[in-house]
Amino acid sequence: MVKKVGPSGRFGPRYGMKLREKIDEIEVIQRQKHVCPKCGFKKLKRISTGIWFCKKCNTKVAGKAYYPPGFEK
C-alpha cells in the first residue's frame, strides 16, 4: 500500500507536526503556477528565492521569497 504524503513527507516523524504543516502550505503554493501580473496568463513560476518568471511573455518579476507579487492567501 502506498502512503500519500505531501512535500513535508521527506521529514518523516521529525521536527513536529506544526512545522511540517507550515512547510506543506508554503511549498505547495510556491511550486504551483500563478497568474502573471504583466500578461495575465497562469504561467508564472518561481525560479529562485524571490524571482518569478513568466513562460508566456518571458518577464522576470521580483516578489516575496515564497509567494509571487500580489499574492493573497
PDB file of N, CA and C in Angstrom:
ATOM      1  N   MET A   1       0.835  -1.184   0.000  1.00  0.00           N
ATOM      2  CA  MET A   1       0.000   0.000   0.000  1.00  0.00           C
ATOM      3  C   MET A   1       0.877   1.243   0.000  1.00  0.00           C
ATOM      4  N   VAL A   2       0.549   2.183  -0.858  1.00  0.00           N
ATOM      5  CA  VAL A   2       1.324   3.413  -0.973  1.00  0.00           C
ATOM      6  C   VAL A   2       0.734   4.461  -0.047  1.00  0.00           C
ATOM      7  N   LYS A   3       1.608   5.071   0.722  1.00  0.00           N
ATOM      8  CA  LYS A   3       1.180   6.113   1.649  1.00  0.00           C
ATOM      9  C   LYS A   3       1.258   7.460   0.939  1.00  0.00           C
ATOM     10  N   LYS A   4       0.198   8.268   1.010  1.00  0.00           N
ATOM     11  CA  LYS A   4       0.194   9.564   0.352  1.00  0.00           C
ATOM     12  C   LYS A   4       0.603  10.645   1.350  1.00  0.00           C
ATOM     13  N   VAL A   5       1.719  11.272   1.058  1.00  0.00           N
ATOM     14  CA  VAL A   5       2.208  12.354   1.905  1.00  0.00           C
ATOM     15  C   VAL A   5       2.517  13.560   1.033  1.00  0.00           C
ATOM     16  N   GLY A   6       2.533  14.709   1.618  1.00  0.00           N
ATOM     17  CA  GLY A   6       2.825  15.933   0.887  1.00  0.00           C
ATOM     18  C   GLY A   6       4.321  16.170   0.802  1.00  0.00           C
ATOM     19  N   PRO A   7       4.715  17.379   0.465  1.00  0.00           N
ATOM     20  CA  PRO A   7       6.126  17.706   0.339  1.00  0.00           C
ATOM     21  C   PRO A   7       6.912  17.522   1.640  1.00  0.00           C
ATOM     22  N   SER A   8       6.243  17.646   2.770  1.00  0.00           N
ATOM     23  CA  SER A   8       6.964  17.511   4.041  1.00  0.00           C
ATOM     24  C   SER A   8       7.087  16.057   4.469  1.00  0.00           C
ATOM     25  N   GLY A   9       6.634  15.139   3.657  1.00  0.00           N
ATOM     26  CA  GLY A   9       6.762  13.722   3.969  1.00  0.00           C
ATOM     27  C   GLY A   9       8.208  13.268   4.012  1.00  0.00           C
ATOM     28  N   ARG A  10       9.100  14.026   3.390  1.00  0.00           N
ATOM     29  CA  ARG A  10      10.520  13.669   3.400  1.00  0.00           C
ATOM     30  C   ARG A  10      11.143  13.786   4.790  1.00  0.00           C
ATOM     31  N   PHE A  11      10.459  14.521   5.702  1.00  0.00           N
ATOM     32  CA  PHE A  11      10.976  14.674   7.059  1.00  0.00           C
ATOM     33  C   PHE A  11      10.562  13.537   7.978  1.00  0.00           C
ATOM     34  N   GLY A  12       9.592  12.719   7.555  1.00  0.00           N
ATOM     35  CA  GLY A  12       9.108  11.615   8.392  1.00  0.00           C
ATOM     36  C   GLY A  12       8.493  12.146   9.673  1.00  0.00           C
ATOM     37  N   PRO A  13       8.773  11.511  10.797  1.00  0.00           N
ATOM     38  CA  PRO A  13       8.179  11.954  12.061  1.00  0.00           C
ATOM     39  C   PRO A  13       8.974  13.070  12.764  1.00  0.00           C
ATOM     40  N   ARG A  14      10.000  13.583  12.106  1.00  0.00           N
ATOM     41  CA  ARG A  14      10.863  14.578  12.753  1.00  0.00           C
ATOM     42  C   ARG A  14      10.291  15.998  12.680  1.00  0.00           C
ATOM     43  N   TYR A  15      10.739  16.847  13.557  1.00  0.00           N
ATOM     44  CA  TYR A  15      10.521  18.301  13.589  1.00  0.00           C
ATOM     45  C   TYR A  15       9.131  18.757  14.035  1.00  0.00           C
ATOM     46  N   GLY A  16       8.214  17.879  14.303  1.00  0.00           N
ATOM     47  CA  GLY A  16       6.908  18.277  14.827  1.00  0.00           C
ATOM     48  C   GLY A  16       5.881  18.540  13.739  1.00  0.00           C
ATOM     49  N   MET A  17       4.643  18.316  14.082  1.00  0.00           N
ATOM     50  CA  MET A  17       3.544  18.410  13.126  1.00  0.00           C
ATOM     51  C   MET A  17       3.298  19.842  12.652  1.00  0.00           C
ATOM     52  N   LYS A  18       3.366  20.795  13.562  1.00  0.00           N
ATOM     53  CA  LYS A  18       3.076  22.185  13.209  1.00  0.00           C
ATOM     54  C   LYS A  18       4.057  22.710  12.157  1.00  0.00           C
ATOM     55  N   LEU A  19       5.321  22.422  12.357  1.00  0.00           N
ATOM     56  CA  LEU A  19       6.341  22.882  11.420  1.00  0.00           C
ATOM     57  C   LEU A  19       6.170  22.216  10.058  1.00  0.00           C
ATOM     58  N   ARG A  20       5.871  20.925  10.048  1.00  0.00           N
ATOM     59  CA  ARG A  20       5.668  20.210   8.788  1.00  0.00           C
ATOM     60  C   ARG A  20       4.424  20.709   8.047  1.00  0.00           C
ATOM     61  N   GLU A  21       3.384  21.105   8.766  1.00  0.00           N
ATOM     62  CA  GLU A  21       2.191  21.662   8.129  1.00  0.00           C
ATOM     63  C   GLU A  21       2.497  23.006   7.477  1.00  0.00           C
ATOM     64  N   LYS A  22       3.306  23.837   8.130  1.00  0.00           N
ATOM     65  CA  LYS A  22       3.692  25.126   7.563  1.00  0.00           C
ATOM     66  C   LYS A  22       4.511  24.933   6.290  1.00  0.00           C
ATOM     67  N   ILE A  23       5.436  23.988   6.334  1.00  0.00           N
ATOM     68  CA  ILE A  23       6.259  23.695   5.159  1.00  0.00           C
ATOM     69  C   ILE A  23       5.386  23.201   4.017  1.00  0.00           C
ATOM     70  N   ASP A  24       4.426  22.338   4.314  1.00  0.00           N
ATOM     71  CA  ASP A  24       3.477  21.847   3.309  1.00  0.00           C
ATOM     72  C   ASP A  24       2.766  22.998   2.628  1.00  0.00           C
ATOM     73  N   GLU A  25       2.223  23.901   3.423  1.00  0.00           N
ATOM     74  CA  GLU A  25       1.454  25.033   2.913  1.00  0.00           C
ATOM     75  C   GLU A  25       2.304  25.912   1.993  1.00  0.00           C
ATOM     76  N   ILE A  26       3.516  26.225   2.438  1.00  0.00           N
ATOM     77  CA  ILE A  26       4.406  27.091   1.673  1.00  0.00           C
ATOM     78  C   ILE A  26       4.847  26.421   0.375  1.00  0.00           C
ATOM     79  N   GLU A  27       5.281  25.171   0.438  1.00  0.00           N
ATOM     80  CA  GLU A  27       5.830  24.507  -0.736  1.00  0.00           C
ATOM     81  C   GLU A  27       4.782  24.214  -1.793  1.00  0.00           C
ATOM     82  N   VAL A  28       3.574  23.922  -1.386  1.00  0.00           N
ATOM     83  CA  VAL A  28       2.511  23.683  -2.368  1.00  0.00           C
ATOM     84  C   VAL A  28       2.228  24.967  -3.139  1.00  0.00           C
ATOM     85  N   ILE A  29       2.173  26.091  -2.448  1.00  0.00           N
ATOM     86  CA  ILE A  29       1.898  27.378  -3.096  1.00  0.00           C
ATOM     87  C   ILE A  29       3.065  27.814  -3.981  1.00  0.00           C
ATOM     88  N   GLN A  30       4.296  27.664  -3.514  1.00  0.00           N
ATOM     89  CA  GLN A  30       5.433  28.162  -4.276  1.00  0.00           C
ATOM     90  C   GLN A  30       5.689  27.340  -5.534  1.00  0.00           C
ATOM     91  N   ARG A  31       5.267  26.084  -5.571  1.00  0.00           N
ATOM     92  CA  ARG A  31       5.547  25.236  -6.732  1.00  0.00           C
ATOM     93  C   ARG A  31       4.453  25.234  -7.789  1.00  0.00           C
ATOM     94  N   GLN A  32       3.300  25.827  -7.479  1.00  0.00           N
ATOM     95  CA  GLN A  32       2.243  25.854  -8.487  1.00  0.00           C
ATOM     96  C   GLN A  32       2.411  27.063  -9.403  1.00  0.00           C
ATOM     97  N   LYS A  33       1.700  27.068 -10.511  1.00  0.00           N
ATOM     98  CA  LYS A  33       1.763  28.188 -11.442  1.00  0.00           C
ATOM     99  C   LYS A  33       0.800  29.276 -10.981  1.00  0.00           C
ATOM    100  N   HIS A  34       1.226  30.539 -11.184  1.00  0.00           N
ATOM    101  CA  HIS A  34       0.434  31.689 -10.762  1.00  0.00           C
ATOM    102  C   HIS A  34       0.153  32.593 -11.955  1.00  0.00           C
ATOM    103  N   VAL A  35      -0.729  33.548 -11.750  1.00  0.00           N
ATOM    104  CA  VAL A  35      -1.089  34.494 -12.804  1.00  0.00           C
ATOM    105  C   VAL A  35      -0.003  35.563 -12.925  1.00  0.00           C
ATOM    106  N   CYS A  36       0.437  35.781 -14.149  1.00  0.00           N
ATOM    107  CA  CYS A  36       1.463  36.786 -14.428  1.00  0.00           C
ATOM    108  C   CYS A  36       0.857  38.186 -14.290  1.00  0.00           C
ATOM    109  N   PRO A  37       1.533  39.104 -13.585  1.00  0.00           N
ATOM    110  CA  PRO A  37       0.995  40.458 -13.446  1.00  0.00           C
ATOM    111  C   PRO A  37       1.050  41.269 -14.741  1.00  0.00           C
ATOM    112  N   LYS A  38       1.882  40.849 -15.683  1.00  0.00           N
ATOM    113  CA  LYS A  38       2.017  41.606 -16.931  1.00  0.00           C
ATOM    114  C   LYS A  38       1.047  41.123 -18.012  1.00  0.00           C
ATOM    115  N   CYS A  39       1.048  39.802 -18.305  1.00  0.00           N
ATOM    116  CA  CYS A  39       0.223  39.304 -19.410  1.00  0.00           C
ATOM    117  C   CYS A  39      -1.101  38.683 -18.952  1.00  0.00           C
ATOM    118  N   GLY A  40      -1.214  38.327 -17.682  1.00  0.00           N
ATOM    119  CA  GLY A  40      -2.474  37.799 -17.159  1.00  0.00           C
ATOM    120  C   GLY A  40      -2.670  36.303 -17.330  1.00  0.00           C
ATOM    121  N   PHE A  41      -1.697  35.600 -17.922  1.00  0.00           N
ATOM    122  CA  PHE A  41      -1.796  34.154 -18.085  1.00  0.00           C
ATOM    123  C   PHE A  41      -1.249  33.444 -16.854  1.00  0.00           C
ATOM    124  N   LYS A  42      -1.685  32.235 -16.644  1.00  0.00           N
ATOM    125  CA  LYS A  42      -1.248  31.449 -15.486  1.00  0.00           C
ATOM    126  C   LYS A  42       0.020  30.682 -15.848  1.00  0.00           C
ATOM    127  N   LYS A  43       1.116  31.414 -16.013  1.00  0.00           N
ATOM    128  CA  LYS A  43       2.383  30.828 -16.442  1.00  0.00           C
ATOM    129  C   LYS A  43       3.556  31.258 -15.563  1.00  0.00           C
ATOM    130  N   LEU A  44       3.297  31.905 -14.446  1.00  0.00           N
ATOM    131  CA  LEU A  44       4.351  32.418 -13.578  1.00  0.00           C
ATOM    132  C   LEU A  44       4.881  31.310 -12.678  1.00  0.00           C
ATOM    133  N   LYS A  45       6.198  31.065 -12.740  1.00  0.00           N
ATOM    134  CA  LYS A  45       6.838  30.038 -11.923  1.00  0.00           C
ATOM    135  C   LYS A  45       7.993  30.653 -11.147  1.00  0.00           C
ATOM    136  N   ARG A  46       8.285  30.085  -9.997  1.00  0.00           N
ATOM    137  CA  ARG A  46       9.401  30.546  -9.167  1.00  0.00           C
ATOM    138  C   ARG A  46      10.678  29.920  -9.696  1.00  0.00           C
ATOM    139  N   ILE A  47      11.695  30.742  -9.988  1.00  0.00           N
ATOM    140  CA  ILE A  47      12.960  30.196 -10.462  1.00  0.00           C
ATOM    141  C   ILE A  47      14.051  30.294  -9.398  1.00  0.00           C
ATOM    142  N   SER A  48      13.868  31.184  -8.430  1.00  0.00           N
ATOM    143  CA  SER A  48      14.816  31.337  -7.342  1.00  0.00           C
ATOM    144  C   SER A  48      14.117  32.086  -6.218  1.00  0.00           C
ATOM    145  N   THR A  49      14.803  32.278  -5.127  1.00  0.00           N
ATOM    146  CA  THR A  49      14.209  32.968  -3.995  1.00  0.00           C
ATOM    147  C   THR A  49      13.820  34.385  -4.382  1.00  0.00           C
ATOM    148  N   GLY A  50      12.523  34.652  -4.418  1.00  0.00           N
ATOM    149  CA  GLY A  50      12.023  35.982  -4.721  1.00  0.00           C
ATOM    150  C   GLY A  50      12.017  36.352  -6.191  1.00  0.00           C
ATOM    151  N   ILE A  51      12.420  35.437  -7.085  1.00  0.00           N
ATOM    152  CA  ILE A  51      12.435  35.720  -8.518  1.00  0.00           C
ATOM    153  C   ILE A  51      11.429  34.813  -9.209  1.00  0.00           C
ATOM    154  N   TRP A  52      10.506  35.420  -9.940  1.00  0.00           N
ATOM    155  CA  TRP A  52       9.428  34.708 -10.617  1.00  0.00           C
ATOM    156  C   TRP A  52       9.540  34.982 -12.104  1.00  0.00           C
ATOM    157  N   PHE A  53       9.300  33.943 -12.923  1.00  0.00           N
ATOM    158  CA  PHE A  53       9.469  34.040 -14.366  1.00  0.00           C
ATOM    159  C   PHE A  53       8.203  33.593 -15.076  1.00  0.00           C
ATOM    160  N   CYS A  54       7.745  34.396 -16.048  1.00  0.00           N
ATOM    161  CA  CYS A  54       6.567  34.054 -16.850  1.00  0.00           C
ATOM    162  C   CYS A  54       7.042  33.361 -18.121  1.00  0.00           C
ATOM    163  N   LYS A  55       6.560  32.147 -18.356  1.00  0.00           N
ATOM    164  CA  LYS A  55       6.968  31.391 -19.536  1.00  0.00           C
ATOM    165  C   LYS A  55       6.246  31.861 -20.801  1.00  0.00           C
ATOM    166  N   LYS A  56       5.225  32.678 -20.650  1.00  0.00           N
ATOM    167  CA  LYS A  56       4.480  33.178 -21.810  1.00  0.00           C
ATOM    168  C   LYS A  56       5.124  34.441 -22.372  1.00  0.00           C
ATOM    169  N   CYS A  57       5.330  35.434 -21.521  1.00  0.00           N
ATOM    170  CA  CYS A  57       5.854  36.717 -22.008  1.00  0.00           C
ATOM    171  C   CYS A  57       7.328  36.935 -21.650  1.00  0.00           C
ATOM    172  N   ASN A  58       8.001  35.927 -21.087  1.00  0.00           N
ATOM    173  CA  ASN A  58       9.427  35.984 -20.730  1.00  0.00           C
ATOM    174  C   ASN A  58       9.773  37.152 -19.816  1.00  0.00           C
ATOM    175  N   THR A  59       8.904  37.424 -18.863  1.00  0.00           N
ATOM    176  CA  THR A  59       9.119  38.518 -17.915  1.00  0.00           C
ATOM    177  C   THR A  59       9.627  37.964 -16.599  1.00  0.00           C
ATOM    178  N   LYS A  60      10.640  38.605 -16.041  1.00  0.00           N
ATOM    179  CA  LYS A  60      11.105  38.278 -14.700  1.00  0.00           C
ATOM    180  C   LYS A  60      10.543  39.316 -13.748  1.00  0.00           C
ATOM    181  N   VAL A  61       9.984  38.835 -12.646  1.00  0.00           N
ATOM    182  CA  VAL A  61       9.342  39.717 -11.683  1.00  0.00           C
ATOM    183  C   VAL A  61       9.896  39.401 -10.301  1.00  0.00           C
ATOM    184  N   ALA A  62      10.134  40.421  -9.498  1.00  0.00           N
ATOM    185  CA  ALA A  62      10.571  40.221  -8.121  1.00  0.00           C
ATOM    186  C   ALA A  62       9.338  40.190  -7.230  1.00  0.00           C
ATOM    187  N   GLY A  63       9.304  39.211  -6.344  1.00  0.00           N
ATOM    188  CA  GLY A  63       8.192  39.092  -5.412  1.00  0.00           C
ATOM    189  C   GLY A  63       8.724  38.689  -4.058  1.00  0.00           C
ATOM    190  N   LYS A  64       7.885  38.073  -3.286  1.00  0.00           N
ATOM    191  CA  LYS A  64       8.320  37.578  -1.985  1.00  0.00           C
ATOM    192  C   LYS A  64       9.088  36.282  -2.193  1.00  0.00           C
ATOM    193  N   ALA A  65       9.725  35.785  -1.150  1.00  0.00           N
ATOM    194  CA  ALA A  65      10.537  34.591  -1.262  1.00  0.00           C
ATOM    195  C   ALA A  65       9.735  33.375  -1.696  1.00  0.00           C
ATOM    196  N   TYR A  66       8.537  33.194  -1.149  1.00  0.00           N
ATOM    197  CA  TYR A  66       7.761  32.008  -1.446  1.00  0.00           C
ATOM    198  C   TYR A  66       6.459  32.304  -2.182  1.00  0.00           C
ATOM    199  N   TYR A  67       6.083  33.580  -2.274  1.00  0.00           N
ATOM    200  CA  TYR A  67       4.830  33.960  -2.914  1.00  0.00           C
ATOM    201  C   TYR A  67       5.114  34.976  -4.020  1.00  0.00           C
ATOM    202  N   PRO A  68       4.396  34.906  -5.138  1.00  0.00           N
ATOM    203  CA  PRO A  68       4.611  35.880  -6.211  1.00  0.00           C
ATOM    204  C   PRO A  68       4.075  37.256  -5.837  1.00  0.00           C
ATOM    205  N   PRO A  69       4.428  38.285  -6.597  1.00  0.00           N
ATOM    206  CA  PRO A  69       3.940  39.619  -6.286  1.00  0.00           C
ATOM    207  C   PRO A  69       2.412  39.677  -6.419  1.00  0.00           C
ATOM    208  N   GLY A  70       1.778  40.304  -5.470  1.00  0.00           N
ATOM    209  CA  GLY A  70       0.323  40.460  -5.495  1.00  0.00           C
ATOM    210  C   GLY A  70      -0.443  39.249  -5.001  1.00  0.00           C
ATOM    211  N   PHE A  71       0.244  38.255  -4.466  1.00  0.00           N
ATOM    212  CA  PHE A  71      -0.431  37.037  -3.993  1.00  0.00           C
ATOM    213  C   PHE A  71      -1.088  37.300  -2.648  1.00  0.00           C
ATOM    214  N   GLU A  72      -2.344  36.876  -2.530  1.00  0.00           N
ATOM    215  CA  GLU A  72      -3.070  36.997  -1.270  1.00  0.00           C
ATOM    216  C   GLU A  72      -3.591  35.632  -0.870  1.00  0.00           C
ATOM    217  N   LYS A  73      -3.444  35.300   0.384  1.00  0.00           N
ATOM    218  CA  LYS A  73      -3.922  33.998   0.871  1.00  0.00           C
ATOM    219  C   LYS A  73      -5.418  33.976   0.983  1.00  0.00           C
TER     220      LYS A  73
END
